[in-house]
N, C-alpha and C. Protein backbone atom coordinates (compact mmCIF):
# COMPACT_ATOMS: atom_id res chain seq x y z
N UNK A 1 5.72 17.18 -18.71
CA UNK A 1 5.67 15.76 -18.51
C UNK A 1 6.97 15.07 -18.84
N UNK A 2 7.68 15.53 -19.84
CA UNK A 2 9.01 15.02 -20.21
C UNK A 2 9.93 15.10 -19.02
N UNK A 3 9.89 16.25 -18.31
CA UNK A 3 10.75 16.47 -17.13
C UNK A 3 10.41 15.40 -16.05
N UNK A 4 9.09 15.13 -15.94
CA UNK A 4 8.67 14.16 -14.89
C UNK A 4 9.20 12.77 -15.28
N UNK A 5 9.04 12.36 -16.51
CA UNK A 5 9.52 11.10 -16.97
C UNK A 5 11.05 10.96 -16.65
N UNK A 6 11.76 12.03 -16.88
CA UNK A 6 13.23 12.05 -16.66
C UNK A 6 13.49 11.81 -15.17
N UNK A 7 12.76 12.49 -14.31
CA UNK A 7 12.95 12.41 -12.89
C UNK A 7 12.71 10.99 -12.39
N UNK A 8 11.73 10.32 -12.96
CA UNK A 8 11.40 8.96 -12.51
C UNK A 8 12.14 7.88 -13.28
N UNK A 9 12.99 8.28 -14.12
CA UNK A 9 13.79 7.32 -14.88
C UNK A 9 14.83 6.72 -13.90
N UNK A 10 14.81 5.32 -13.71
CA UNK A 10 15.71 4.72 -12.73
C UNK A 10 17.15 4.90 -12.97
N UNK A 11 17.54 4.76 -14.25
CA UNK A 11 19.01 4.90 -14.55
C UNK A 11 19.50 6.26 -14.19
N UNK A 12 18.68 7.31 -14.54
CA UNK A 12 19.15 8.64 -14.19
C UNK A 12 19.13 8.85 -12.65
N UNK A 13 18.11 8.34 -12.02
CA UNK A 13 18.06 8.49 -10.57
C UNK A 13 19.26 7.81 -9.89
N UNK A 14 19.65 6.71 -10.38
CA UNK A 14 20.83 5.93 -9.78
C UNK A 14 22.09 6.81 -9.88
N UNK A 15 22.15 7.63 -10.96
CA UNK A 15 23.39 8.42 -11.14
C UNK A 15 23.34 9.70 -10.18
N UNK A 16 22.09 10.18 -9.95
CA UNK A 16 22.00 11.37 -9.19
C UNK A 16 21.84 11.19 -7.71
N UNK A 17 21.11 10.11 -7.32
CA UNK A 17 20.66 9.89 -5.93
C UNK A 17 21.86 9.76 -4.98
N UNK A 18 22.99 9.01 -5.27
CA UNK A 18 24.04 8.82 -4.32
C UNK A 18 24.69 10.20 -3.81
N UNK A 19 24.46 11.21 -4.55
CA UNK A 19 25.10 12.53 -4.11
C UNK A 19 24.54 12.97 -2.88
N UNK A 20 23.28 12.53 -2.52
CA UNK A 20 22.60 13.11 -1.39
C UNK A 20 22.16 12.04 -0.36
N UNK A 21 22.84 10.98 -0.26
CA UNK A 21 22.50 9.83 0.59
C UNK A 21 22.37 10.26 2.05
N UNK A 22 23.11 11.30 2.53
CA UNK A 22 23.06 11.64 3.96
C UNK A 22 21.85 12.56 4.34
N UNK A 23 21.15 13.02 3.31
CA UNK A 23 20.04 13.96 3.62
C UNK A 23 18.76 13.20 4.16
N UNK A 24 18.13 13.83 5.10
CA UNK A 24 16.84 13.31 5.55
C UNK A 24 15.76 13.85 4.63
N UNK A 25 14.56 13.32 4.82
CA UNK A 25 13.49 13.59 3.92
C UNK A 25 13.09 15.12 3.91
N UNK A 26 13.05 15.73 5.09
CA UNK A 26 12.71 17.15 5.10
C UNK A 26 13.71 17.99 4.33
N UNK A 27 14.96 17.62 4.43
CA UNK A 27 16.07 18.39 3.67
C UNK A 27 15.94 18.11 2.23
N UNK A 28 15.60 16.87 1.85
CA UNK A 28 15.48 16.55 0.43
C UNK A 28 14.20 17.36 -0.17
N UNK A 29 13.16 17.40 0.61
CA UNK A 29 12.00 18.16 0.14
C UNK A 29 12.29 19.56 -0.04
N UNK A 30 12.99 20.23 0.86
CA UNK A 30 13.40 21.60 0.68
C UNK A 30 14.31 21.79 -0.55
N UNK A 31 15.24 20.87 -0.75
CA UNK A 31 16.10 21.05 -1.92
C UNK A 31 15.25 20.84 -3.23
N UNK A 32 14.32 19.93 -3.17
CA UNK A 32 13.47 19.68 -4.31
C UNK A 32 12.67 20.89 -4.62
N UNK A 33 12.18 21.59 -3.58
CA UNK A 33 11.45 22.80 -3.77
C UNK A 33 12.23 23.93 -4.33
N UNK A 34 13.59 23.88 -4.16
CA UNK A 34 14.49 24.82 -4.69
C UNK A 34 14.92 24.48 -6.18
N UNK A 35 14.34 23.42 -6.69
CA UNK A 35 14.59 23.01 -8.04
C UNK A 35 15.71 21.96 -8.21
N UNK A 36 16.09 21.31 -7.15
CA UNK A 36 17.18 20.28 -7.21
C UNK A 36 16.53 18.97 -7.66
N UNK A 37 16.71 18.58 -8.88
CA UNK A 37 16.12 17.38 -9.39
C UNK A 37 16.68 16.04 -8.69
N UNK A 38 17.96 16.12 -8.35
CA UNK A 38 18.53 14.96 -7.67
C UNK A 38 17.83 14.70 -6.30
N UNK A 39 17.34 15.74 -5.72
CA UNK A 39 16.70 15.54 -4.40
C UNK A 39 15.43 14.65 -4.55
N UNK A 40 14.67 14.88 -5.61
CA UNK A 40 13.49 14.10 -5.83
C UNK A 40 13.87 12.72 -6.20
N UNK A 41 14.95 12.52 -6.97
CA UNK A 41 15.47 11.18 -7.26
C UNK A 41 15.77 10.36 -6.01
N UNK A 42 16.33 11.12 -4.99
CA UNK A 42 16.61 10.45 -3.71
C UNK A 42 15.40 10.01 -2.98
N UNK A 43 14.40 10.89 -3.04
CA UNK A 43 13.10 10.55 -2.40
C UNK A 43 12.49 9.31 -3.07
N UNK A 44 12.52 9.30 -4.38
CA UNK A 44 11.96 8.12 -5.12
C UNK A 44 12.82 6.83 -4.68
N UNK A 45 14.11 6.94 -4.66
CA UNK A 45 14.93 5.80 -4.32
C UNK A 45 14.64 5.33 -2.90
N UNK A 46 14.40 6.22 -1.94
CA UNK A 46 14.17 5.83 -0.58
C UNK A 46 12.83 5.22 -0.35
N UNK A 47 11.84 5.63 -1.13
CA UNK A 47 10.48 5.27 -0.74
C UNK A 47 9.73 4.39 -1.85
N UNK A 48 10.38 4.09 -2.98
CA UNK A 48 9.75 3.35 -3.98
C UNK A 48 9.25 2.04 -3.60
N UNK A 49 10.06 1.29 -2.75
CA UNK A 49 9.68 -0.09 -2.42
C UNK A 49 8.44 -0.06 -1.51
N UNK A 50 8.45 0.92 -0.54
CA UNK A 50 7.29 1.01 0.38
C UNK A 50 6.02 1.42 -0.44
N UNK A 51 6.15 2.30 -1.35
CA UNK A 51 5.06 2.74 -2.18
C UNK A 51 4.43 1.59 -2.99
N UNK A 52 5.43 0.79 -3.58
CA UNK A 52 4.95 -0.42 -4.36
C UNK A 52 4.20 -1.39 -3.50
N UNK A 53 4.79 -1.71 -2.35
CA UNK A 53 4.13 -2.78 -1.53
C UNK A 53 2.81 -2.35 -0.94
N UNK A 54 2.68 -1.09 -0.60
CA UNK A 54 1.37 -0.55 -0.08
C UNK A 54 0.35 -0.76 -1.23
N UNK A 55 0.72 -0.35 -2.52
CA UNK A 55 -0.22 -0.48 -3.58
C UNK A 55 -0.52 -1.98 -3.85
N UNK A 56 0.54 -2.80 -3.82
CA UNK A 56 0.28 -4.22 -4.09
C UNK A 56 -0.55 -4.91 -3.00
N UNK A 57 -0.34 -4.58 -1.73
CA UNK A 57 -1.16 -5.10 -0.67
C UNK A 57 -2.63 -4.79 -0.87
N UNK A 58 -2.88 -3.56 -1.37
CA UNK A 58 -4.24 -3.13 -1.50
C UNK A 58 -4.90 -3.65 -2.85
N UNK A 59 -4.12 -3.83 -3.88
CA UNK A 59 -4.67 -4.21 -5.21
C UNK A 59 -4.42 -5.67 -5.57
N UNK A 60 -3.40 -6.33 -4.99
CA UNK A 60 -3.00 -7.65 -5.32
C UNK A 60 -2.64 -7.85 -6.79
N UNK A 61 -2.05 -6.86 -7.36
CA UNK A 61 -1.73 -6.93 -8.76
C UNK A 61 -0.40 -6.22 -8.94
N UNK A 62 0.66 -6.93 -9.47
CA UNK A 62 1.99 -6.31 -9.54
C UNK A 62 1.99 -5.18 -10.55
N UNK A 63 1.38 -5.38 -11.70
CA UNK A 63 1.41 -4.29 -12.73
C UNK A 63 0.66 -3.05 -12.21
N UNK A 64 -0.48 -3.30 -11.63
CA UNK A 64 -1.24 -2.18 -11.09
C UNK A 64 -0.51 -1.48 -9.98
N UNK A 65 0.19 -2.22 -9.14
CA UNK A 65 0.97 -1.62 -8.06
C UNK A 65 2.12 -0.77 -8.60
N UNK A 66 2.80 -1.23 -9.69
CA UNK A 66 3.85 -0.41 -10.30
C UNK A 66 3.29 0.89 -10.86
N UNK A 67 2.11 0.81 -11.53
CA UNK A 67 1.48 1.97 -12.13
C UNK A 67 1.10 2.92 -11.05
N UNK A 68 0.49 2.41 -9.92
CA UNK A 68 0.00 3.29 -8.86
C UNK A 68 1.19 3.97 -8.18
N UNK A 69 2.23 3.19 -7.90
CA UNK A 69 3.38 3.78 -7.20
C UNK A 69 3.99 4.93 -8.03
N UNK A 70 4.11 4.63 -9.38
CA UNK A 70 4.66 5.68 -10.26
C UNK A 70 3.77 6.93 -10.29
N UNK A 71 2.45 6.67 -10.38
CA UNK A 71 1.46 7.76 -10.41
C UNK A 71 1.53 8.56 -9.10
N UNK A 72 1.83 7.88 -8.01
CA UNK A 72 1.89 8.54 -6.67
C UNK A 72 3.14 9.46 -6.67
N UNK A 73 4.22 9.05 -7.21
CA UNK A 73 5.40 9.92 -7.27
C UNK A 73 5.18 11.04 -8.20
N UNK A 74 4.46 10.89 -9.26
CA UNK A 74 4.12 11.97 -10.15
C UNK A 74 3.32 13.05 -9.51
N UNK A 75 2.29 12.57 -8.76
CA UNK A 75 1.43 13.48 -8.01
C UNK A 75 2.26 14.18 -6.97
N UNK A 76 3.12 13.52 -6.26
CA UNK A 76 3.96 14.15 -5.28
C UNK A 76 4.92 15.18 -5.89
N UNK A 77 5.44 14.85 -7.01
CA UNK A 77 6.38 15.72 -7.70
C UNK A 77 5.62 17.02 -8.15
N UNK A 78 4.37 16.90 -8.61
CA UNK A 78 3.61 18.06 -9.08
C UNK A 78 3.27 18.94 -7.89
N UNK A 79 3.08 18.35 -6.70
CA UNK A 79 2.63 19.10 -5.57
C UNK A 79 3.70 19.44 -4.54
N UNK A 80 4.93 19.04 -4.81
CA UNK A 80 6.01 19.19 -3.86
C UNK A 80 6.24 20.63 -3.47
N UNK A 81 5.94 21.57 -4.38
CA UNK A 81 6.21 23.01 -4.06
C UNK A 81 5.33 23.47 -2.91
N UNK A 82 4.14 22.89 -2.74
CA UNK A 82 3.28 23.31 -1.69
C UNK A 82 3.29 22.46 -0.42
N UNK A 83 4.15 21.43 -0.49
CA UNK A 83 4.24 20.50 0.67
C UNK A 83 5.03 21.14 1.77
N UNK A 84 4.55 20.99 3.01
CA UNK A 84 5.32 21.52 4.21
C UNK A 84 6.42 20.52 4.55
N UNK A 85 7.65 20.98 4.42
CA UNK A 85 8.76 20.12 4.56
C UNK A 85 8.93 19.67 6.03
N UNK A 86 8.22 20.26 6.95
CA UNK A 86 8.28 19.84 8.38
C UNK A 86 7.41 18.62 8.66
N UNK A 87 6.50 18.34 7.67
CA UNK A 87 5.65 17.17 7.79
C UNK A 87 6.38 15.93 7.25
N UNK A 88 5.78 14.79 7.49
CA UNK A 88 6.40 13.54 7.03
C UNK A 88 6.13 13.25 5.55
N UNK A 89 7.24 13.24 4.75
CA UNK A 89 7.02 12.96 3.33
C UNK A 89 6.52 11.49 3.15
N UNK A 90 7.06 10.55 4.03
CA UNK A 90 6.61 9.13 3.88
C UNK A 90 5.16 9.02 4.15
N UNK A 91 4.66 9.75 5.15
CA UNK A 91 3.24 9.67 5.47
C UNK A 91 2.42 10.27 4.34
N UNK A 92 2.82 11.37 3.81
CA UNK A 92 2.15 12.01 2.65
C UNK A 92 2.12 11.16 1.45
N UNK A 93 3.21 10.51 1.11
CA UNK A 93 3.28 9.65 0.01
C UNK A 93 2.39 8.40 0.20
N UNK A 94 2.38 7.90 1.40
CA UNK A 94 1.59 6.76 1.74
C UNK A 94 0.11 7.09 1.54
N UNK A 95 -0.31 8.23 1.94
CA UNK A 95 -1.69 8.65 1.74
C UNK A 95 -2.05 8.74 0.26
N UNK A 96 -1.09 9.25 -0.52
CA UNK A 96 -1.33 9.41 -1.95
C UNK A 96 -1.51 7.99 -2.57
N UNK A 97 -0.59 7.08 -2.21
CA UNK A 97 -0.69 5.74 -2.75
C UNK A 97 -1.95 5.05 -2.38
N UNK A 98 -2.36 5.18 -1.03
CA UNK A 98 -3.56 4.60 -0.56
C UNK A 98 -4.81 5.15 -1.36
N UNK A 99 -4.86 6.43 -1.46
CA UNK A 99 -6.04 7.06 -2.19
C UNK A 99 -6.10 6.55 -3.64
N UNK A 100 -4.95 6.44 -4.33
CA UNK A 100 -4.96 5.92 -5.72
C UNK A 100 -5.38 4.50 -5.72
N UNK A 101 -4.95 3.70 -4.67
CA UNK A 101 -5.34 2.34 -4.64
C UNK A 101 -6.84 2.13 -4.36
N UNK A 102 -7.33 3.03 -3.49
CA UNK A 102 -8.77 2.96 -3.21
C UNK A 102 -9.55 3.32 -4.44
N UNK A 103 -9.13 4.30 -5.20
CA UNK A 103 -9.80 4.60 -6.46
C UNK A 103 -9.81 3.39 -7.39
N UNK A 104 -8.68 2.66 -7.45
CA UNK A 104 -8.64 1.47 -8.30
C UNK A 104 -9.59 0.42 -7.78
N UNK A 105 -9.71 0.22 -6.51
CA UNK A 105 -10.61 -0.80 -5.96
C UNK A 105 -12.05 -0.40 -6.20
N UNK A 106 -12.33 0.88 -6.08
CA UNK A 106 -13.73 1.37 -6.40
C UNK A 106 -14.05 1.12 -7.84
N UNK A 107 -13.12 1.39 -8.72
CA UNK A 107 -13.30 1.14 -10.17
C UNK A 107 -13.58 -0.36 -10.37
N UNK A 108 -12.84 -1.28 -9.69
CA UNK A 108 -13.08 -2.69 -9.86
C UNK A 108 -14.51 -3.06 -9.37
N UNK A 109 -14.87 -2.48 -8.19
CA UNK A 109 -16.14 -2.82 -7.63
C UNK A 109 -17.31 -2.44 -8.51
N UNK A 110 -17.13 -1.34 -9.17
CA UNK A 110 -18.22 -0.85 -10.07
C UNK A 110 -18.36 -1.85 -11.31
N UNK A 111 -17.24 -2.54 -11.63
CA UNK A 111 -17.32 -3.39 -12.78
C UNK A 111 -17.58 -4.85 -12.43
N UNK A 112 -17.61 -5.09 -11.14
CA UNK A 112 -17.75 -6.50 -10.63
C UNK A 112 -19.20 -6.79 -10.19
N UNK A 113 -19.57 -8.07 -10.40
CA UNK A 113 -20.88 -8.49 -9.94
C UNK A 113 -20.79 -9.04 -8.43
N UNK A 114 -19.63 -9.17 -7.91
CA UNK A 114 -19.40 -9.73 -6.61
C UNK A 114 -19.76 -8.67 -5.59
N UNK A 115 -20.64 -9.04 -4.63
CA UNK A 115 -21.00 -8.11 -3.58
C UNK A 115 -21.09 -8.81 -2.27
N UNK A 116 -20.08 -8.55 -1.39
CA UNK A 116 -20.12 -9.14 -0.05
C UNK A 116 -20.44 -8.04 0.97
N UNK A 117 -21.14 -8.40 1.92
CA UNK A 117 -21.59 -7.37 2.90
C UNK A 117 -20.64 -7.21 4.00
N UNK A 118 -20.28 -7.21 4.47
CA UNK A 118 -19.47 -7.09 5.67
C UNK A 118 -18.15 -7.77 5.37
N UNK A 119 -14.28 -8.63 8.13
CA UNK A 119 -13.10 -9.51 8.28
C UNK A 119 -12.96 -9.82 9.72
N UNK A 120 -12.50 -11.09 11.65
CA UNK A 120 -12.71 -11.08 13.06
C UNK A 120 -11.35 -11.23 13.66
N UNK A 121 -11.24 -10.83 14.67
CA UNK A 121 -9.90 -10.72 15.27
C UNK A 121 -9.04 -12.02 15.10
N UNK A 122 -7.72 -11.80 15.07
CA UNK A 122 -6.84 -12.93 15.12
C UNK A 122 -6.37 -13.50 13.84
N UNK A 123 -6.78 -12.95 12.71
CA UNK A 123 -6.31 -13.47 11.43
C UNK A 123 -4.94 -12.87 11.09
N UNK A 124 -3.90 -13.66 11.08
CA UNK A 124 -2.61 -13.11 10.82
C UNK A 124 -2.19 -13.26 9.36
N UNK A 125 -1.53 -12.18 8.82
CA UNK A 125 -1.05 -12.13 7.48
C UNK A 125 0.39 -12.63 7.40
N UNK A 126 0.68 -13.61 6.58
CA UNK A 126 2.05 -14.14 6.51
C UNK A 126 3.09 -13.07 6.26
N UNK A 127 4.24 -13.25 6.88
CA UNK A 127 5.36 -12.22 6.64
C UNK A 127 6.15 -12.47 5.40
N UNK A 128 6.70 -11.41 4.89
CA UNK A 128 7.63 -11.61 3.72
C UNK A 128 9.01 -12.02 4.11
N UNK A 129 9.32 -12.07 5.50
CA UNK A 129 10.65 -12.27 5.95
C UNK A 129 10.90 -13.63 6.55
N UNK A 130 10.47 -14.72 5.87
CA UNK A 130 10.71 -16.03 6.38
C UNK A 130 12.23 -16.35 6.09
N UNK A 131 12.74 -17.39 6.81
CA UNK A 131 14.17 -17.65 6.68
C UNK A 131 14.54 -18.67 5.61
N UNK A 132 14.05 -19.93 5.71
CA UNK A 132 14.46 -20.96 4.71
C UNK A 132 13.65 -20.82 3.48
N UNK A 133 14.14 -21.41 2.34
CA UNK A 133 13.40 -21.40 1.11
C UNK A 133 12.06 -22.03 1.21
N UNK A 134 11.98 -23.16 2.02
CA UNK A 134 10.71 -23.83 2.25
C UNK A 134 9.72 -22.93 3.00
N UNK A 135 10.17 -22.21 4.00
CA UNK A 135 9.39 -21.35 4.75
C UNK A 135 8.88 -20.18 3.87
N UNK A 136 9.75 -19.68 3.00
CA UNK A 136 9.41 -18.56 2.14
C UNK A 136 8.35 -19.06 1.14
N UNK A 137 8.51 -20.25 0.59
CA UNK A 137 7.51 -20.73 -0.33
C UNK A 137 6.20 -20.95 0.29
N UNK A 138 6.20 -21.53 1.48
CA UNK A 138 4.91 -21.73 2.21
C UNK A 138 4.25 -20.40 2.56
N UNK A 139 5.07 -19.38 2.97
CA UNK A 139 4.54 -18.14 3.34
C UNK A 139 3.95 -17.41 2.10
N UNK A 140 4.63 -17.56 0.95
CA UNK A 140 4.16 -16.90 -0.24
C UNK A 140 2.86 -17.56 -0.76
N UNK A 141 2.73 -18.89 -0.64
CA UNK A 141 1.52 -19.57 -0.98
C UNK A 141 0.41 -19.13 -0.15
N UNK A 142 0.63 -19.04 1.20
CA UNK A 142 -0.37 -18.64 2.11
C UNK A 142 -0.73 -17.18 1.93
N UNK A 143 0.24 -16.38 1.67
CA UNK A 143 0.01 -14.91 1.38
C UNK A 143 -0.81 -14.76 0.14
N UNK A 144 -0.55 -15.56 -0.88
CA UNK A 144 -1.33 -15.48 -2.14
C UNK A 144 -2.78 -15.83 -1.82
N UNK A 145 -3.05 -16.79 -0.97
CA UNK A 145 -4.45 -17.15 -0.59
C UNK A 145 -5.06 -16.00 0.17
N UNK A 146 -4.33 -15.43 1.10
CA UNK A 146 -4.82 -14.30 1.90
C UNK A 146 -5.24 -13.17 0.96
N UNK A 147 -4.35 -12.83 0.00
CA UNK A 147 -4.62 -11.73 -0.93
C UNK A 147 -5.82 -12.01 -1.78
N UNK A 148 -6.01 -13.24 -2.22
CA UNK A 148 -7.23 -13.57 -3.03
C UNK A 148 -8.47 -13.42 -2.20
N UNK A 149 -8.43 -13.76 -0.97
CA UNK A 149 -9.61 -13.55 -0.08
C UNK A 149 -9.87 -12.09 0.20
N UNK A 150 -8.75 -11.31 0.38
CA UNK A 150 -8.91 -9.91 0.59
C UNK A 150 -9.54 -9.26 -0.60
N UNK A 151 -9.24 -9.76 -1.80
CA UNK A 151 -9.78 -9.26 -3.02
C UNK A 151 -11.26 -9.34 -3.15
N UNK A 152 -11.79 -10.29 -2.36
CA UNK A 152 -13.26 -10.49 -2.36
C UNK A 152 -14.01 -9.42 -1.52
N UNK A 153 -13.27 -8.73 -0.65
CA UNK A 153 -13.87 -7.75 0.24
C UNK A 153 -14.27 -6.47 -0.42
N UNK A 154 -15.37 -5.82 -0.04
CA UNK A 154 -15.62 -4.46 -0.53
C UNK A 154 -14.44 -3.52 -0.22
N UNK A 155 -14.16 -2.54 -1.10
CA UNK A 155 -13.00 -1.67 -0.91
C UNK A 155 -12.88 -1.10 0.50
N UNK A 156 -14.00 -0.65 1.09
CA UNK A 156 -13.91 -0.01 2.36
C UNK A 156 -13.39 -0.82 3.46
N UNK A 157 -13.74 -2.21 3.38
CA UNK A 157 -13.21 -3.11 4.36
C UNK A 157 -11.77 -3.59 4.04
N UNK A 158 -11.58 -3.84 2.78
CA UNK A 158 -10.18 -4.31 2.35
C UNK A 158 -9.19 -3.26 2.72
N UNK A 159 -9.53 -1.99 2.49
CA UNK A 159 -8.55 -0.92 2.73
C UNK A 159 -8.10 -0.89 4.18
N UNK A 160 -9.08 -0.81 5.07
CA UNK A 160 -8.70 -0.65 6.53
C UNK A 160 -8.05 -1.89 7.02
N UNK A 161 -8.39 -3.09 6.49
CA UNK A 161 -7.75 -4.30 7.01
C UNK A 161 -6.34 -4.38 6.57
N UNK A 162 -6.02 -4.01 5.29
CA UNK A 162 -4.64 -3.99 4.82
C UNK A 162 -3.82 -2.97 5.55
N UNK A 163 -4.36 -1.77 5.79
CA UNK A 163 -3.65 -0.71 6.51
C UNK A 163 -3.33 -1.10 7.89
N UNK A 164 -4.29 -1.80 8.57
CA UNK A 164 -4.10 -2.20 9.99
C UNK A 164 -3.24 -3.43 10.12
N UNK A 165 -3.64 -4.50 9.43
CA UNK A 165 -3.03 -5.79 9.67
C UNK A 165 -1.80 -6.11 8.82
N UNK A 166 -1.65 -5.46 7.71
CA UNK A 166 -0.49 -5.70 6.88
C UNK A 166 0.47 -4.56 7.02
N UNK A 167 -0.01 -3.25 6.89
CA UNK A 167 0.88 -2.14 7.00
C UNK A 167 1.15 -1.79 8.51
N UNK A 168 0.34 -2.24 9.37
CA UNK A 168 0.61 -1.96 10.82
C UNK A 168 0.32 -0.54 11.31
N UNK A 169 -0.60 0.12 10.58
CA UNK A 169 -0.89 1.55 11.02
C UNK A 169 -1.81 1.52 12.20
N UNK A 170 -1.77 2.60 13.02
CA UNK A 170 -2.63 2.77 14.19
C UNK A 170 -4.05 3.16 13.62
N UNK A 171 -5.06 3.07 14.58
CA UNK A 171 -6.38 3.49 14.23
C UNK A 171 -6.41 4.98 13.86
N UNK A 172 -5.63 5.77 14.58
CA UNK A 172 -5.56 7.18 14.35
C UNK A 172 -4.99 7.48 13.02
N UNK A 173 -3.89 6.81 12.66
CA UNK A 173 -3.30 6.98 11.32
C UNK A 173 -4.21 6.72 10.21
N UNK A 174 -4.97 5.57 10.38
CA UNK A 174 -5.89 5.18 9.32
C UNK A 174 -7.00 6.14 9.22
N UNK A 175 -7.51 6.60 10.37
CA UNK A 175 -8.58 7.58 10.39
C UNK A 175 -8.19 8.87 9.59
N UNK A 176 -6.97 9.33 9.83
CA UNK A 176 -6.50 10.52 9.13
C UNK A 176 -6.36 10.23 7.63
N UNK A 177 -5.91 9.02 7.30
CA UNK A 177 -5.61 8.67 5.89
C UNK A 177 -6.87 8.56 5.05
N UNK A 178 -7.95 7.98 5.68
CA UNK A 178 -9.18 7.83 4.84
C UNK A 178 -10.28 8.86 5.25
N UNK A 179 -9.89 9.82 6.04
CA UNK A 179 -10.81 10.90 6.48
C UNK A 179 -12.08 10.45 7.05
N UNK A 180 -11.97 9.53 8.04
CA UNK A 180 -13.13 9.03 8.74
C UNK A 180 -12.87 8.97 10.23
N UNK A 181 -13.91 9.09 11.09
CA UNK A 181 -13.70 9.09 12.52
C UNK A 181 -13.07 7.79 12.99
N UNK A 182 -12.34 7.85 14.09
CA UNK A 182 -11.65 6.70 14.66
C UNK A 182 -12.65 5.57 14.91
N UNK A 183 -13.80 5.92 15.40
CA UNK A 183 -14.84 4.90 15.71
C UNK A 183 -15.27 4.15 14.46
N UNK A 184 -15.39 4.90 13.34
CA UNK A 184 -15.76 4.26 12.14
C UNK A 184 -14.70 3.28 11.67
N UNK A 185 -13.42 3.73 11.83
CA UNK A 185 -12.30 2.88 11.42
C UNK A 185 -12.32 1.52 12.29
N UNK A 186 -12.50 1.66 13.63
CA UNK A 186 -12.54 0.51 14.49
C UNK A 186 -13.71 -0.47 14.04
N UNK A 187 -14.87 0.11 13.70
CA UNK A 187 -16.05 -0.66 13.33
C UNK A 187 -15.78 -1.43 12.02
N UNK A 188 -15.16 -0.70 11.04
CA UNK A 188 -14.86 -1.29 9.79
C UNK A 188 -13.87 -2.42 9.89
N UNK A 189 -12.83 -2.20 10.72
CA UNK A 189 -11.86 -3.27 10.92
C UNK A 189 -12.49 -4.49 11.56
N UNK A 190 -13.36 -4.27 12.55
CA UNK A 190 -14.01 -5.35 13.26
C UNK A 190 -14.85 -6.17 12.23
N UNK A 191 -15.62 -5.48 11.39
CA UNK A 191 -16.47 -6.23 10.43
C UNK A 191 -15.57 -6.89 9.37
N UNK A 192 -14.53 -6.18 9.00
CA UNK A 192 -13.59 -6.75 7.97
C UNK A 192 -12.96 -8.07 8.46
N UNK A 193 -12.56 -8.07 9.75
CA UNK A 193 -11.95 -9.32 10.29
C UNK A 193 -12.95 -10.42 10.39
N UNK A 194 -14.16 -10.07 10.72
CA UNK A 194 -15.21 -11.10 10.84
C UNK A 194 -15.41 -11.76 9.50
N UNK A 195 -15.51 -11.02 8.43
CA UNK A 195 -15.75 -11.57 7.11
C UNK A 195 -14.54 -12.38 6.69
N UNK A 196 -13.30 -11.80 6.91
CA UNK A 196 -12.10 -12.50 6.48
C UNK A 196 -12.04 -13.88 7.19
N UNK A 197 -12.28 -13.87 8.50
CA UNK A 197 -12.28 -15.16 9.21
C UNK A 197 -13.29 -16.17 8.66
N UNK A 198 -14.45 -15.67 8.31
CA UNK A 198 -15.48 -16.55 7.75
C UNK A 198 -14.99 -17.12 6.44
N UNK A 199 -14.42 -16.33 5.55
CA UNK A 199 -13.91 -16.76 4.34
C UNK A 199 -12.77 -17.80 4.49
N UNK A 200 -11.88 -17.52 5.43
CA UNK A 200 -10.79 -18.43 5.75
C UNK A 200 -11.29 -19.75 6.24
N UNK A 201 -12.23 -19.72 7.14
CA UNK A 201 -12.66 -20.97 7.71
C UNK A 201 -13.45 -21.84 6.66
N UNK A 202 -14.16 -21.17 5.80
CA UNK A 202 -14.85 -21.87 4.72
C UNK A 202 -13.83 -22.53 3.79
N UNK A 203 -12.75 -21.81 3.47
CA UNK A 203 -11.68 -22.41 2.65
C UNK A 203 -11.12 -23.61 3.35
N UNK A 204 -10.76 -23.48 4.62
CA UNK A 204 -10.15 -24.60 5.36
C UNK A 204 -11.08 -25.89 5.35
N UNK A 205 -12.33 -25.54 5.62
CA UNK A 205 -13.31 -26.69 5.63
C UNK A 205 -13.47 -27.33 4.28
N UNK A 206 -13.48 -26.56 3.22
CA UNK A 206 -13.55 -27.08 1.84
C UNK A 206 -12.32 -27.88 1.55
N UNK A 207 -11.16 -27.38 1.89
CA UNK A 207 -9.88 -28.10 1.60
C UNK A 207 -9.82 -29.42 2.37
N UNK A 208 -10.32 -29.38 3.64
CA UNK A 208 -10.32 -30.61 4.45
C UNK A 208 -11.20 -31.68 3.83
N UNK A 209 -12.36 -31.21 3.31
CA UNK A 209 -13.33 -32.18 2.68
C UNK A 209 -12.72 -32.87 1.46
N UNK A 210 -11.98 -32.04 0.73
CA UNK A 210 -11.27 -32.59 -0.51
C UNK A 210 -10.27 -33.60 -0.18
N UNK A 211 -9.58 -33.42 1.00
CA UNK A 211 -8.52 -34.27 1.36
C UNK A 211 -8.97 -35.67 1.97
N UNK A 212 -10.23 -35.64 2.39
CA UNK A 212 -10.79 -36.86 3.02
C UNK A 212 -11.02 -38.01 1.97
């Protein structure tokens, strides 16, 4: 475990990672499997932001997202020796992060009294890439509202909606990631969007009533 902590230490990774900036993921994985610690540092450096945002989009909590992304790298580090370097490291890591996030959502659901049953086409998630400060502030406020509504959804609906409409994955990628048939994924996304639209419209109606 001490070795693992050292590998994930940002200061140490910053010192080691630049040595291998030109390597692609498959080469880094092979070097890591040969015992090169700096290779894993480079993988962490390349993918830590994506891992964090996937976890945050699913859990809506910064601290939880940091913990999950770090746990995902730890799991990847422990299993790197058996990983096929010809496969996508990014895809593998994304699946680890998603599974850890789903476990967290399931844990929350067991502790919560909130139970919604069944999100409809056309609900857009605000982008993180707005131009002006005013646009960024407005987008962040809207995004915060979206995430609070997503947090009300059952884990199985929240997960597929985030993976499809925020992360932009295909139905096939989501199906492989959550180990469910493509038809099940499409059905869950359809229901998830219906519920999300209903929640959004109720919020807009309530806000309009307050402003009158």
